PDB file of N, CA and C in Angstrom:
ATOM      1  N   UNK A   1     -42.540 -38.514  28.397  1.00  0.00           N
ATOM      2  CA  UNK A   1     -43.685 -37.595  28.448  1.00  0.00           C
ATOM      3  C   UNK A   1     -43.643 -36.677  27.614  1.00  0.00           C
ATOM      4  N   UNK A   2     -42.413 -35.832  27.308  1.00  0.00           N
ATOM      5  CA  UNK A   2     -42.239 -34.891  26.346  1.00  0.00           C
ATOM      6  C   UNK A   2     -42.611 -35.325  24.985  1.00  0.00           C
ATOM      7  N   UNK A   3     -41.913 -36.368  24.697  1.00  0.00           N
ATOM      8  CA  UNK A   3     -42.180 -37.152  23.241  1.00  0.00           C
ATOM      9  C   UNK A   3     -43.672 -37.306  23.180  1.00  0.00           C
ATOM     10  N   UNK A   4     -44.451 -37.877  24.063  1.00  0.00           N
ATOM     11  CA  UNK A   4     -45.764 -38.066  23.781  1.00  0.00           C
ATOM     12  C   UNK A   4     -46.635 -36.745  23.576  1.00  0.00           C
ATOM     13  N   UNK A   5     -46.363 -35.758  24.451  1.00  0.00           N
ATOM     14  CA  UNK A   5     -46.876 -34.467  24.286  1.00  0.00           C
ATOM     15  C   UNK A   5     -46.597 -33.969  22.846  1.00  0.00           C
ATOM     16  N   UNK A   6     -45.246 -33.991  22.393  1.00  0.00           N
ATOM     17  CA  UNK A   6     -44.708 -33.299  21.124  1.00  0.00           C
ATOM     18  C   UNK A   6     -45.588 -34.027  20.138  1.00  0.00           C
ATOM     19  N   UNK A   7     -45.632 -35.469  20.102  1.00  0.00           N
ATOM     20  CA  UNK A   7     -46.272 -36.153  19.003  1.00  0.00           C
ATOM     21  C   UNK A   7     -47.775 -35.975  18.981  1.00  0.00           C
ATOM     22  N   UNK A   8     -48.444 -36.123  20.205  1.00  0.00           N
ATOM     23  CA  UNK A   8     -50.064 -36.044  20.214  1.00  0.00           C
ATOM     24  C   UNK A   8     -50.424 -34.486  20.079  1.00  0.00           C
ATOM     25  N   UNK A   9     -49.967 -33.609  20.900  1.00  0.00           N
ATOM     26  CA  UNK A   9     -50.531 -32.241  20.923  1.00  0.00           C
ATOM     27  C   UNK A   9     -49.852 -31.420  19.700  1.00  0.00           C
ATOM     28  N   UNK A  10     -48.685 -31.314  19.713  1.00  0.00           N
ATOM     29  CA  UNK A  10     -48.027 -30.524  18.626  1.00  0.00           C
ATOM     30  C   UNK A  10     -48.099 -31.008  17.195  1.00  0.00           C
ATOM     31  N   UNK A  11     -47.986 -32.358  17.039  1.00  0.00           N
ATOM     32  CA  UNK A  11     -48.029 -32.829  15.556  1.00  0.00           C
ATOM     33  C   UNK A  11     -49.282 -33.528  15.457  1.00  0.00           C
ATOM     34  N   UNK A  12     -50.042 -33.851  16.245  1.00  0.00           N
ATOM     35  CA  UNK A  12     -51.551 -34.537  16.027  1.00  0.00           C
ATOM     36  C   UNK A  12     -51.188 -35.901  15.463  1.00  0.00           C
ATOM     37  N   UNK A  13     -50.126 -36.644  15.926  1.00  0.00           N
ATOM     38  CA  UNK A  13     -49.898 -38.110  15.498  1.00  0.00           C
ATOM     39  C   UNK A  13     -50.296 -38.914  16.882  1.00  0.00           C
ATOM     40  N   UNK A  14     -50.367 -40.140  16.606  1.00  0.00           N
ATOM     41  CA  UNK A  14     -50.461 -40.988  17.796  1.00  0.00           C
ATOM     42  C   UNK A  14     -49.054 -40.931  18.383  1.00  0.00           C
ATOM     43  N   UNK A  15     -49.265 -41.235  19.823  1.00  0.00           N
ATOM     44  CA  UNK A  15     -47.999 -41.057  20.580  1.00  0.00           C
ATOM     45  C   UNK A  15     -47.144 -42.170  20.384  1.00  0.00           C
ATOM     46  N   UNK A  16     -47.708 -43.354  19.744  1.00  0.00           N
ATOM     47  CA  UNK A  16     -46.828 -44.688  19.563  1.00  0.00           C
ATOM     48  C   UNK A  16     -46.221 -44.708  18.336  1.00  0.00           C
ATOM     49  N   UNK A  17     -46.440 -43.734  17.395  1.00  0.00           N
ATOM     50  CA  UNK A  17     -45.896 -43.762  16.013  1.00  0.00           C
ATOM     51  C   UNK A  17     -44.436 -43.327  16.293  1.00  0.00           C
ATOM     52  N   UNK A  18     -43.541 -44.006  15.649  1.00  0.00           N
ATOM     53  CA  UNK A  18     -41.993 -43.857  15.598  1.00  0.00           C
ATOM     54  C   UNK A  18     -41.772 -42.447  14.900  1.00  0.00           C
ATOM     55  N   UNK A  19     -40.735 -41.667  15.380  1.00  0.00           N
ATOM     56  CA  UNK A  19     -40.331 -40.498  14.688  1.00  0.00           C
ATOM     57  C   UNK A  19     -38.705 -40.380  15.109  1.00  0.00           C
ATOM     58  N   UNK A  20     -38.119 -39.424  14.298  1.00  0.00           N
ATOM     59  CA  UNK A  20     -36.806 -39.164  14.545  1.00  0.00           C
ATOM     60  C   UNK A  20     -36.398 -37.961  15.220  1.00  0.00           C
ATOM     61  N   UNK A  21     -37.343 -37.579  16.074  1.00  0.00           N
ATOM     62  CA  UNK A  21     -37.211 -36.187  16.783  1.00  0.00           C
ATOM     63  C   UNK A  21     -36.941 -36.445  18.458  1.00  0.00           C
ATOM     64  N   UNK A  22     -36.378 -37.532  18.719  1.00  0.00           N
ATOM     65  CA  UNK A  22     -36.047 -37.804  19.883  1.00  0.00           C
ATOM     66  C   UNK A  22     -34.803 -37.047  20.473  1.00  0.00           C
ATOM     67  N   UNK A  23     -34.373 -36.737  21.665  1.00  0.00           N
ATOM     68  CA  UNK A  23     -33.155 -35.892  21.907  1.00  0.00           C
ATOM     69  C   UNK A  23     -31.925 -36.794  21.426  1.00  0.00           C
ATOM     70  N   UNK A  24     -31.910 -37.995  21.910  1.00  0.00           N
ATOM     71  CA  UNK A  24     -30.654 -38.795  21.467  1.00  0.00           C
ATOM     72  C   UNK A  24     -30.466 -38.952  20.039  1.00  0.00           C
ATOM     73  N   UNK A  25     -31.688 -39.048  19.254  1.00  0.00           N
ATOM     74  CA  UNK A  25     -31.384 -39.048  17.685  1.00  0.00           C
ATOM     75  C   UNK A  25     -31.125 -37.736  17.204  1.00  0.00           C
ATOM     76  N   UNK A  26     -31.641 -36.605  17.790  1.00  0.00           N
ATOM     77  CA  UNK A  26     -31.221 -35.300  17.260  1.00  0.00           C
ATOM     78  C   UNK A  26     -29.692 -35.010  17.518  1.00  0.00           C
ATOM     79  N   UNK A  27     -29.263 -35.426  18.662  1.00  0.00           N
ATOM     80  CA  UNK A  27     -27.774 -35.287  19.130  1.00  0.00           C
ATOM     81  C   UNK A  27     -26.866 -35.865  18.163  1.00  0.00           C
ATOM     82  N   UNK A  28     -27.399 -37.310  17.815  1.00  0.00           N
ATOM     83  CA  UNK A  28     -26.568 -38.155  16.771  1.00  0.00           C
ATOM     84  C   UNK A  28     -26.665 -37.404  15.263  1.00  0.00           C
ATOM     85  N   UNK A  29     -27.889 -36.972  14.938  1.00  0.00           N
ATOM     86  CA  UNK A  29     -27.878 -36.546  13.557  1.00  0.00           C
ATOM     87  C   UNK A  29     -27.115 -35.015  13.431  1.00  0.00           C
ATOM     88  N   UNK A  30     -27.487 -34.317  14.409  1.00  0.00           N
ATOM     89  CA  UNK A  30     -26.958 -32.850  14.254  1.00  0.00           C
ATOM     90  C   UNK A  30     -25.754 -32.661  14.997  1.00  0.00           C
ATOM     91  N   UNK A  31     -25.149 -33.298  15.781  1.00  0.00           N
ATOM     92  CA  UNK A  31     -23.975 -32.934  16.449  1.00  0.00           C
ATOM     93  C   UNK A  31     -22.900 -33.922  16.167  1.00  0.00           C
ATOM     94  N   UNK A  32     -23.157 -35.247  16.258  1.00  0.00           N
ATOM     95  CA  UNK A  32     -22.134 -36.274  16.237  1.00  0.00           C
ATOM     96  C   UNK A  32     -21.918 -36.648  14.724  1.00  0.00           C
ATOM     97  N   UNK A  33     -22.927 -36.776  14.015  1.00  0.00           N
ATOM     98  CA  UNK A  33     -22.806 -37.387  12.643  1.00  0.00           C
ATOM     99  C   UNK A  33     -22.113 -36.229  11.756  1.00  0.00           C
ATOM    100  N   UNK A  34     -22.542 -34.993  12.116  1.00  0.00           N
ATOM    101  CA  UNK A  34     -21.989 -33.928  11.246  1.00  0.00           C
ATOM    102  C   UNK A  34     -20.384 -33.745  11.614  1.00  0.00           C
ATOM    103  N   UNK A  35     -20.052 -34.084  12.768  1.00  0.00           N
ATOM    104  CA  UNK A  35     -18.577 -34.111  13.118  1.00  0.00           C
ATOM    105  C   UNK A  35     -17.882 -35.134  12.490  1.00  0.00           C
ATOM    106  N   UNK A  36     -18.529 -36.409  12.216  1.00  0.00           N
ATOM    107  CA  UNK A  36     -17.868 -37.539  11.618  1.00  0.00           C
ATOM    108  C   UNK A  36     -17.834 -37.423  10.233  1.00  0.00           C
ATOM    109  N   UNK A  37     -18.620 -36.514   9.625  1.00  0.00           N
ATOM    110  CA  UNK A  37     -18.522 -36.356   8.185  1.00  0.00           C
ATOM    111  C   UNK A  37     -19.482 -37.225   7.279  1.00  0.00           C
ATOM    112  N   UNK A  38     -20.028 -38.095   8.054  1.00  0.00           N
ATOM    113  CA  UNK A  38     -20.846 -39.276   7.402  1.00  0.00           C
ATOM    114  C   UNK A  38     -22.263 -38.875   7.326  1.00  0.00           C
ATOM    115  N   UNK A  39     -22.984 -38.745   6.073  1.00  0.00           N
ATOM    116  CA  UNK A  39     -24.383 -38.379   6.348  1.00  0.00           C
ATOM    117  C   UNK A  39     -25.152 -39.367   5.648  1.00  0.00           C
ATOM    118  N   UNK A  40     -24.497 -40.325   5.064  1.00  0.00           N
ATOM    119  CA  UNK A  40     -25.244 -41.464   4.126  1.00  0.00           C
ATOM    120  C   UNK A  40     -25.759 -42.367   5.223  1.00  0.00           C
ATOM    121  N   UNK A  41     -26.446 -43.547   4.743  1.00  0.00           N
ATOM    122  CA  UNK A  41     -27.246 -44.445   5.532  1.00  0.00           C
ATOM    123  C   UNK A  41     -26.373 -45.243   6.340  1.00  0.00           C
ATOM    124  N   UNK A  42     -25.373 -45.596   6.028  1.00  0.00           N
ATOM    125  CA  UNK A  42     -24.320 -46.431   6.956  1.00  0.00           C
ATOM    126  C   UNK A  42     -23.555 -45.546   7.777  1.00  0.00           C
ATOM    127  N   UNK A  43     -24.022 -45.239   9.001  1.00  0.00           N
ATOM    128  CA  UNK A  43     -23.204 -44.464   9.912  1.00  0.00           C
ATOM    129  C   UNK A  43     -21.729 -44.764  10.158  1.00  0.00           C
ATOM    130  N   UNK A  44     -21.020 -43.891  10.645  1.00  0.00           N
ATOM    131  CA  UNK A  44     -19.616 -44.120  10.902  1.00  0.00           C
ATOM    132  C   UNK A  44     -19.575 -44.956  12.233  1.00  0.00           C
ATOM    133  N   UNK A  45     -18.498 -45.738  12.404  1.00  0.00           N
ATOM    134  CA  UNK A  45     -18.401 -46.630  13.496  1.00  0.00           C
ATOM    135  C   UNK A  45     -18.442 -45.995  14.762  1.00  0.00           C
ATOM    136  N   UNK A  46     -17.834 -44.814  14.848  1.00  0.00           N
ATOM    137  CA  UNK A  46     -17.812 -43.921  15.979  1.00  0.00           C
ATOM    138  C   UNK A  46     -19.020 -42.845  16.317  1.00  0.00           C
ATOM    139  N   UNK A  47     -19.931 -42.691  15.404  1.00  0.00           N
ATOM    140  CA  UNK A  47     -20.779 -41.760  15.612  1.00  0.00           C
ATOM    141  C   UNK A  47     -21.988 -42.155  16.583  1.00  0.00           C
ATOM    142  N   UNK A  48     -22.376 -43.587  16.537  1.00  0.00           N
ATOM    143  CA  UNK A  48     -23.251 -43.887  17.729  1.00  0.00           C
ATOM    144  C   UNK A  48     -22.732 -43.966  19.036  1.00  0.00           C
ATOM    145  N   UNK A  49     -21.444 -44.374  19.352  1.00  0.00           N
ATOM    146  CA  UNK A  49     -20.889 -44.343  20.754  1.00  0.00           C
ATOM    147  C   UNK A  49     -20.577 -42.906  21.176  1.00  0.00           C
ATOM    148  N   UNK A  50     -20.522 -42.035  20.172  1.00  0.00           N
ATOM    149  CA  UNK A  50     -20.200 -40.672  20.618  1.00  0.00           C
ATOM    150  C   UNK A  50     -21.465 -39.778  21.076  1.00  0.00           C
ATOM    151  N   UNK A  51     -22.570 -40.366  20.771  1.00  0.00           N
ATOM    152  CA  UNK A  51     -23.865 -39.887  21.355  1.00  0.00           C
ATOM    153  C   UNK A  51     -23.958 -39.975  22.744  1.00  0.00           C
ATOM    154  N   UNK A  52     -23.377 -40.952  23.471  1.00  0.00           N
ATOM    155  CA  UNK A  52     -23.612 -41.334  24.890  1.00  0.00           C
ATOM    156  C   UNK A  52     -22.932 -40.246  25.626  1.00  0.00           C
ATOM    157  N   UNK A  53     -21.732 -39.766  25.447  1.00  0.00           N
ATOM    158  CA  UNK A  53     -21.249 -38.692  26.442  1.00  0.00           C
ATOM    159  C   UNK A  53     -22.087 -37.479  26.633  1.00  0.00           C
ATOM    160  N   UNK A  54     -22.760 -37.179  25.467  1.00  0.00           N
ATOM    161  CA  UNK A  54     -23.729 -36.021  25.527  1.00  0.00           C
ATOM    162  C   UNK A  54     -24.872 -36.361  26.493  1.00  0.00           C
ATOM    163  N   UNK A  55     -25.319 -37.534  26.377  1.00  0.00           N
ATOM    164  CA  UNK A  55     -26.483 -38.009  27.195  1.00  0.00           C
ATOM    165  C   UNK A  55     -25.969 -38.112  28.638  1.00  0.00           C
ATOM    166  N   UNK A  56     -25.109 -38.757  28.971  1.00  0.00           N
ATOM    167  CA  UNK A  56     -24.333 -38.887  30.306  1.00  0.00           C
ATOM    168  C   UNK A  56     -24.290 -37.463  30.952  1.00  0.00           C
ATOM    169  N   UNK A  57     -23.682 -36.602  30.242  1.00  0.00           N
ATOM    170  CA  UNK A  57     -23.604 -35.208  30.661  1.00  0.00           C
ATOM    171  C   UNK A  57     -24.969 -34.666  31.241  1.00  0.00           C
ATOM    172  N   UNK A  58     -25.873 -34.755  30.227  1.00  0.00           N
ATOM    173  CA  UNK A  58     -27.195 -34.183  30.515  1.00  0.00           C
ATOM    174  C   UNK A  58     -27.852 -34.855  31.747  1.00  0.00           C
ATOM    175  N   UNK A  59     -27.741 -36.183  31.950  1.00  0.00           N
ATOM    176  CA  UNK A  59     -28.424 -37.058  32.817  1.00  0.00           C
ATOM    177  C   UNK A  59     -27.553 -36.773  34.103  1.00  0.00           C
ATOM    178  N   UNK A  60     -26.404 -36.418  34.213  1.00  0.00           N
ATOM    179  CA  UNK A  60     -25.790 -36.256  35.386  1.00  0.00           C
ATOM    180  C   UNK A  60     -25.877 -34.818  36.078  1.00  0.00           C
ATOM    181  N   UNK A  61     -26.252 -33.804  35.241  1.00  0.00           N
ATOM    182  CA  UNK A  61     -26.460 -32.562  35.780  1.00  0.00           C
ATOM    183  C   UNK A  61     -27.301 -32.312  37.007  1.00  0.00           C
ATOM    184  N   UNK A  62     -28.350 -33.089  37.090  1.00  0.00           N
ATOM    185  CA  UNK A  62     -29.209 -32.850  38.580  1.00  0.00           C
ATOM    186  C   UNK A  62     -28.668 -33.770  39.541  1.00  0.00           C
ATOM    187  N   UNK A  63     -27.710 -34.643  39.416  1.00  0.00           N
ATOM    188  CA  UNK A  63     -27.242 -35.439  40.352  1.00  0.00           C
ATOM    189  C   UNK A  63     -26.709 -34.882  41.571  1.00  0.00           C
ATOM    190  N   UNK A  64     -25.792 -34.145  41.476  1.00  0.00           N
ATOM    191  CA  UNK A  64     -25.117 -33.436  42.615  1.00  0.00           C
ATOM    192  C   UNK A  64     -26.126 -32.556  43.272  1.00  0.00           C
ATOM    193  N   UNK A  65     -26.806 -31.663  42.742  1.00  0.00           N
ATOM    194  CA  UNK A  65     -27.839 -30.938  43.534  1.00  0.00           C
ATOM    195  C   UNK A  65     -28.797 -31.864  44.399  1.00  0.00           C
ATOM    196  N   UNK A  66     -29.165 -32.979  43.702  1.00  0.00           N
ATOM    197  CA  UNK A  66     -29.929 -33.779  44.372  1.00  0.00           C
ATOM    198  C   UNK A  66     -29.428 -34.437  45.535  1.00  0.00           C
ATOM    199  N   UNK A  67     -28.188 -35.028  45.423  1.00  0.00           N
ATOM    200  CA  UNK A  67     -27.463 -35.435  46.397  1.00  0.00           C
ATOM    201  C   UNK A  67     -27.235 -34.430  47.789  1.00  0.00           C
ATOM    202  N   UNK A  68     -27.004 -33.354  47.348  1.00  0.00           N
ATOM    203  CA  UNK A  68     -26.892 -32.180  48.408  1.00  0.00           C
ATOM    204  C   UNK A  68     -28.066 -31.822  49.056  1.00  0.00           C
ATOM    205  N   UNK A  69     -29.202 -31.774  48.286  1.00  0.00           N
ATOM    206  CA  UNK A  69     -30.452 -31.156  48.784  1.00  0.00           C
ATOM    207  C   UNK A  69     -31.527 -32.303  48.993  1.00  0.00           C
ATOM    208  N   UNK A  70     -30.992 -33.539  49.297  1.00  0.00           N
ATOM    209  CA  UNK A  70     -31.914 -34.625  49.472  1.00  0.00           C
ATOM    210  C   UNK A  70     -33.057 -34.353  50.529  1.00  0.00           C
ATOM    211  N   UNK A  71     -32.818 -33.534  51.464  1.00  0.00           N
ATOM    212  CA  UNK A  71     -33.795 -33.366  52.351  1.00  0.00           C
ATOM    213  C   UNK A  71     -34.816 -32.068  52.357  1.00  0.00           C
ATOM    214  N   UNK A  72     -34.544 -31.303  51.281  1.00  0.00           N
ATOM    215  CA  UNK A  72     -35.340 -29.910  51.021  1.00  0.00           C
ATOM    216  C   UNK A  72     -36.179 -30.319  49.797  1.00  0.00           C
ATOM    217  N   UNK A  73     -37.483 -30.612  50.137  1.00  0.00           N
ATOM    218  CA  UNK A  73     -38.553 -30.803  48.998  1.00  0.00           C
ATOM    219  C   UNK A  73     -38.535 -29.674  48.060  1.00  0.00           C
ATOM    220  N   UNK A  74     -38.738 -28.409  48.569  1.00  0.00           N
ATOM    221  CA  UNK A  74     -38.809 -27.212  47.676  1.00  0.00           C
ATOM    222  C   UNK A  74     -37.638 -27.179  46.777  1.00  0.00           C
ATOM    223  N   UNK A  75     -36.447 -27.091  47.214  1.00  0.00           N
ATOM    224  CA  UNK A  75     -35.238 -27.100  46.584  1.00  0.00           C
ATOM    225  C   UNK A  75     -35.269 -28.326  45.422  1.00  0.00           C
ATOM    226  N   UNK A  76     -35.578 -29.625  45.762  1.00  0.00           N
ATOM    227  CA  UNK A  76     -35.655 -30.515  44.770  1.00  0.00           C
ATOM    228  C   UNK A  76     -36.697 -30.293  43.761  1.00  0.00           C
ATOM    229  N   UNK A  77     -37.758 -29.679  43.973  1.00  0.00           N
ATOM    230  CA  UNK A  77     -38.717 -29.489  42.990  1.00  0.00           C
ATOM    231  C   UNK A  77     -38.041 -28.373  42.057  1.00  0.00           C
ATOM    232  N   UNK A  78     -37.312 -27.320  42.658  1.00  0.00           N
ATOM    233  CA  UNK A  78     -36.664 -26.438  42.005  1.00  0.00           C
ATOM    234  C   UNK A  78     -35.533 -27.059  40.799  1.00  0.00           C
ATOM    235  N   UNK A  79     -34.893 -28.010  41.477  1.00  0.00           N
ATOM    236  CA  UNK A  79     -33.942 -28.735  40.444  1.00  0.00           C
ATOM    237  C   UNK A  79     -34.601 -29.429  39.491  1.00  0.00           C
ATOM    238  N   UNK A  80     -35.748 -30.085  39.701  1.00  0.00           N
ATOM    239  CA  UNK A  80     -36.675 -30.647  38.627  1.00  0.00           C
ATOM    240  C   UNK A  80     -37.082 -29.715  37.739  1.00  0.00           C
ATOM    241  N   UNK A  81     -37.501 -28.724  38.095  1.00  0.00           N
ATOM    242  CA  UNK A  81     -38.189 -27.441  37.182  1.00  0.00           C
ATOM    243  C   UNK A  81     -36.889 -27.111  36.314  1.00  0.00           C
ATOM    244  N   UNK A  82     -35.687 -26.752  36.862  1.00  0.00           N
ATOM    245  CA  UNK A  82     -34.540 -26.240  36.175  1.00  0.00           C
ATOM    246  C   UNK A  82     -34.045 -27.291  35.169  1.00  0.00           C
ATOM    247  N   UNK A  83     -34.117 -28.462  35.442  1.00  0.00           N
ATOM    248  CA  UNK A  83     -33.592 -29.638  34.592  1.00  0.00           C
ATOM    249  C   UNK A  83     -34.570 -29.576  33.438  1.00  0.00           C
ATOM    250  N   UNK A  84     -35.903 -29.588  33.663  1.00  0.00           N
ATOM    251  CA  UNK A  84     -36.892 -29.640  32.598  1.00  0.00           C
ATOM    252  C   UNK A  84     -36.807 -28.394  31.720  1.00  0.00           C
ATOM    253  N   UNK A  85     -36.509 -27.402  32.222  1.00  0.00           N
ATOM    254  CA  UNK A  85     -36.260 -25.999  31.415  1.00  0.00           C
ATOM    255  C   UNK A  85     -34.945 -26.212  30.535  1.00  0.00           C
ATOM    256  N   UNK A  86     -34.009 -26.730  31.121  1.00  0.00           N
ATOM    257  CA  UNK A  86     -32.692 -27.021  30.482  1.00  0.00           C
ATOM    258  C   UNK A  86     -32.809 -27.952  29.201  1.00  0.00           C
ATOM    259  N   UNK A  87     -33.664 -28.977  29.521  1.00  0.00           N
ATOM    260  CA  UNK A  87     -33.952 -29.933  28.426  1.00  0.00           C
ATOM    261  C   UNK A  87     -34.582 -29.432  27.399  1.00  0.00           C
ATOM    262  N   UNK A  88     -35.753 -28.488  27.611  1.00  0.00           N
ATOM    263  CA  UNK A  88     -36.635 -28.114  26.664  1.00  0.00           C
ATOM    264  C   UNK A  88     -35.819 -27.047  25.855  1.00  0.00           C
ATOM    265  N   UNK A  89     -35.019 -26.263  26.483  1.00  0.00           N
ATOM    266  CA  UNK A  89     -34.234 -25.250  25.696  1.00  0.00           C
ATOM    267  C   UNK A  89     -33.140 -25.915  24.710  1.00  0.00           C
ATOM    268  N   UNK A  90     -32.460 -26.940  25.461  1.00  0.00           N
ATOM    269  CA  UNK A  90     -31.524 -27.727  24.529  1.00  0.00           C
ATOM    270  C   UNK A  90     -32.061 -28.340  23.370  1.00  0.00           C
ATOM    271  N   UNK A  91     -33.149 -28.934  23.577  1.00  0.00           N
ATOM    272  CA  UNK A  91     -34.019 -29.761  22.580  1.00  0.00           C
ATOM    273  C   UNK A  91     -34.485 -28.585  21.292  1.00  0.00           C
ATOM    274  N   UNK A  92     -34.981 -27.651  21.806  1.00  0.00           N
ATOM    275  CA  UNK A  92     -35.491 -26.641  20.747  1.00  0.00           C
ATOM    276  C   UNK A  92     -34.400 -26.034  20.037  1.00  0.00           C
ATOM    277  N   UNK A  93     -33.143 -25.787  20.619  1.00  0.00           N
ATOM    278  CA  UNK A  93     -31.981 -25.306  20.010  1.00  0.00           C
ATOM    279  C   UNK A  93     -31.497 -26.312  19.046  1.00  0.00           C
ATOM    280  N   UNK A  94     -31.550 -27.472  19.528  1.00  0.00           N
ATOM    281  CA  UNK A  94     -30.861 -28.459  18.344  1.00  0.00           C
ATOM    282  C   UNK A  94     -31.823 -28.851  17.326  1.00  0.00           C
ATOM    283  N   UNK A  95     -33.244 -28.635  17.541  1.00  0.00           N
ATOM    284  CA  UNK A  95     -34.134 -28.881  16.448  1.00  0.00           C
ATOM    285  C   UNK A  95     -34.029 -27.844  15.446  1.00  0.00           C
ATOM    286  N   UNK A  96     -33.812 -26.621  15.904  1.00  0.00           N
ATOM    287  CA  UNK A  96     -33.628 -25.358  15.053  1.00  0.00           C
ATOM    288  C   UNK A  96     -32.244 -25.098  14.525  1.00  0.00           C
ATOM    289  N   UNK A  97     -31.320 -26.033  14.639  1.00  0.00           N
ATOM    290  CA  UNK A  97     -29.980 -26.127  14.070  1.00  0.00           C
ATOM    291  C   UNK A  97     -29.236 -24.925  14.875  1.00  0.00           C
ATOM    292  N   UNK A  98     -29.547 -24.633  16.017  1.00  0.00           N
ATOM    293  CA  UNK A  98     -28.684 -23.530  16.874  1.00  0.00           C
ATOM    294  C   UNK A  98     -28.121 -24.339  18.116  1.00  0.00           C
ATOM    295  N   UNK A  99     -27.413 -25.321  17.844  1.00  0.00           N
ATOM    296  CA  UNK A  99     -26.860 -26.154  18.986  1.00  0.00           C
ATOM    297  C   UNK A  99     -25.916 -25.228  19.748  1.00  0.00           C
ATOM    298  N   UNK A 100     -25.977 -25.425  21.047  1.00  0.00           N
ATOM    299  CA  UNK A 100     -24.921 -24.463  21.807  1.00  0.00           C
ATOM    300  C   UNK A 100     -23.522 -24.863  21.473  1.00  0.00           C
ATOM    301  N   UNK A 101     -22.827 -23.899  21.474  1.00  0.00           N
ATOM    302  CA  UNK A 101     -21.361 -23.907  20.891  1.00  0.00           C
ATOM    303  C   UNK A 101     -20.408 -25.009  21.851  1.00  0.00           C
ATOM    304  N   UNK A 102     -20.865 -24.967  23.273  1.00  0.00           N
ATOM    305  CA  UNK A 102     -20.160 -25.842  24.058  1.00  0.00           C
ATOM    306  C   UNK A 102     -20.466 -27.345  23.647  1.00  0.00           C
ATOM    307  N   UNK A 103     -21.549 -27.647  22.856  1.00  0.00           N
ATOM    308  CA  UNK A 103     -21.799 -29.201  22.452  1.00  0.00           C
ATOM    309  C   UNK A 103     -21.153 -29.629  21.307  1.00  0.00           C
ATOM    310  N   UNK A 104     -20.866 -28.484  20.493  1.00  0.00           N
ATOM    311  CA  UNK A 104     -20.232 -28.766  18.997  1.00  0.00           C
ATOM    312  C   UNK A 104     -18.922 -29.460  18.991  1.00  0.00           C
ATOM    313  N   UNK A 105     -18.971 -30.545  18.377  1.00  0.00           N
ATOM    314  CA  UNK A 105     -17.541 -31.276  18.298  1.00  0.00           C
ATOM    315  C   UNK A 105     -17.010 -30.606  17.108  1.00  0.00           C
ATOM    316  N   UNK A 106     -15.654 -30.323  17.280  1.00  0.00           N
ATOM    317  CA  UNK A 106     -14.778 -29.785  16.213  1.00  0.00           C
ATOM    318  C   UNK A 106     -13.738 -30.864  15.653  1.00  0.00           C
ATOM    319  N   UNK A 107     -13.613 -30.808  14.403  1.00  0.00           N
ATOM    320  CA  UNK A 107     -12.388 -31.841  14.099  1.00  0.00           C
ATOM    321  C   UNK A 107     -11.009 -31.110  14.219  1.00  0.00           C
ATOM    322  N   UNK A 108     -10.216 -31.823  14.584  1.00  0.00           N
ATOM    323  CA  UNK A 108      -8.646 -31.199  14.672  1.00  0.00           C
ATOM    324  C   UNK A 108      -8.192 -31.171  13.285  1.00  0.00           C
ATOM    325  N   UNK A 109      -7.608 -30.008  13.017  1.00  0.00           N
ATOM    326  CA  UNK A 109      -6.917 -29.808  11.657  1.00  0.00           C
ATOM    327  C   UNK A 109      -5.655 -30.640  11.830  1.00  0.00           C
ATOM    328  N   UNK A 110      -5.366 -31.324  10.612  1.00  0.00           N
ATOM    329  CA  UNK A 110      -4.222 -32.173  10.487  1.00  0.00           C
ATOM    330  C   UNK A 110      -2.984 -31.208  10.407  1.00  0.00           C
ATOM    331  N   UNK A 111      -1.819 -31.602  10.931  1.00  0.00           N
ATOM    332  CA  UNK A 111      -0.619 -30.669  10.996  1.00  0.00           C
ATOM    333  C   UNK A 111      -0.130 -30.665   9.387  1.00  0.00           C
ATOM    334  N   UNK A 112       0.459 -29.477   9.238  1.00  0.00           N
ATOM    335  CA  UNK A 112       0.987 -29.500   7.655  1.00  0.00           C
ATOM    336  C   UNK A 112       2.053 -30.666   7.429  1.00  0.00           C
ATOM    337  N   UNK A 113       2.057 -30.954   6.170  1.00  0.00           N
ATOM    338  CA  UNK A 113       2.950 -32.168   5.883  1.00  0.00           C
ATOM    339  C   UNK A 113       4.360 -31.810   6.300  1.00  0.00           C
ATOM    340  N   UNK A 114       4.861 -30.485   5.970  1.00  0.00           N
ATOM    341  CA  UNK A 114       6.292 -30.191   6.324  1.00  0.00           C
ATOM    342  C   UNK A 114       6.532 -30.439   7.623  1.00  0.00           C
ATOM    343  N   UNK A 115       5.520 -30.168   8.722  1.00  0.00           N
ATOM    344  CA  UNK A 115       5.763 -30.336   9.995  1.00  0.00           C
ATOM    345  C   UNK A 115       6.047 -31.761  10.455  1.00  0.00           C
ATOM    346  N   UNK A 116       5.243 -32.534   9.730  1.00  0.00           N
ATOM    347  CA  UNK A 116       5.465 -34.147   9.942  1.00  0.00           C
ATOM    348  C   UNK A 116       6.648 -34.542   9.536  1.00  0.00           C
ATOM    349  N   UNK A 117       7.130 -34.178   8.287  1.00  0.00           N
ATOM    350  CA  UNK A 117       8.342 -34.780   7.844  1.00  0.00           C
ATOM    351  C   UNK A 117       9.494 -34.115   8.511  1.00  0.00           C
ATOM    352  N   UNK A 118       9.421 -32.885   8.886  1.00  0.00           N
ATOM    353  CA  UNK A 118      10.615 -32.419   9.494  1.00  0.00           C
ATOM    354  C   UNK A 118      10.843 -32.848  10.976  1.00  0.00           C
ATOM    355  N   UNK A 119       9.707 -33.311  11.492  1.00  0.00           N
ATOM    356  CA  UNK A 119       9.775 -33.855  13.112  1.00  0.00           C
ATOM    357  C   UNK A 119      10.323 -35.271  13.071  1.00  0.00           C
ATOM    358  N   UNK A 120      10.300 -36.061  11.921  1.00  0.00           N
ATOM    359  CA  UNK A 120      10.760 -37.561  12.094  1.00  0.00           C
ATOM    360  C   UNK A 120      12.206 -37.667  11.949  1.00  0.00           C
ATOM    361  N   UNK A 121      12.832 -38.461  12.614  1.00  0.00           N
ATOM    362  CA  UNK A 121      14.258 -38.413  12.798  1.00  0.00           C
ATOM    363  C   UNK A 121      14.758 -39.346  11.512  1.00  0.00           C
ATOM    364  N   UNK A 122      15.741 -38.758  10.824  1.00  0.00           N
ATOM    365  CA  UNK A 122      16.430 -39.341   9.721  1.00  0.00           C
ATOM    366  C   UNK A 122      17.625 -40.115  10.019  1.00  0.00           C
TER     367      UNK A 122
END
């Protein structure tokens, strides 16, 4: 529904027109592919699968409160409103290249060559 609203109302396009501004595509482009260092047309082998854990985490956030509060309609509505607000904040931060630090992947720096050669048995 958010994508339809964004395309039809905010951009004035048909809701059926494809675009690259879906959350999963933004996570792939702005968080994962930047980490892998590949920006050309042929993506890194690991870039696409690395997008999934971000989406699993996002989808699992409302699960525990929903299981605990299954019998309280007002609280469930609060969980939905909170999830929608979190989704929108996350979406707009990634669109504006202000990804939350928690979600940024970092490359591990390689150990110095001296350290590698000194630790191998001779």
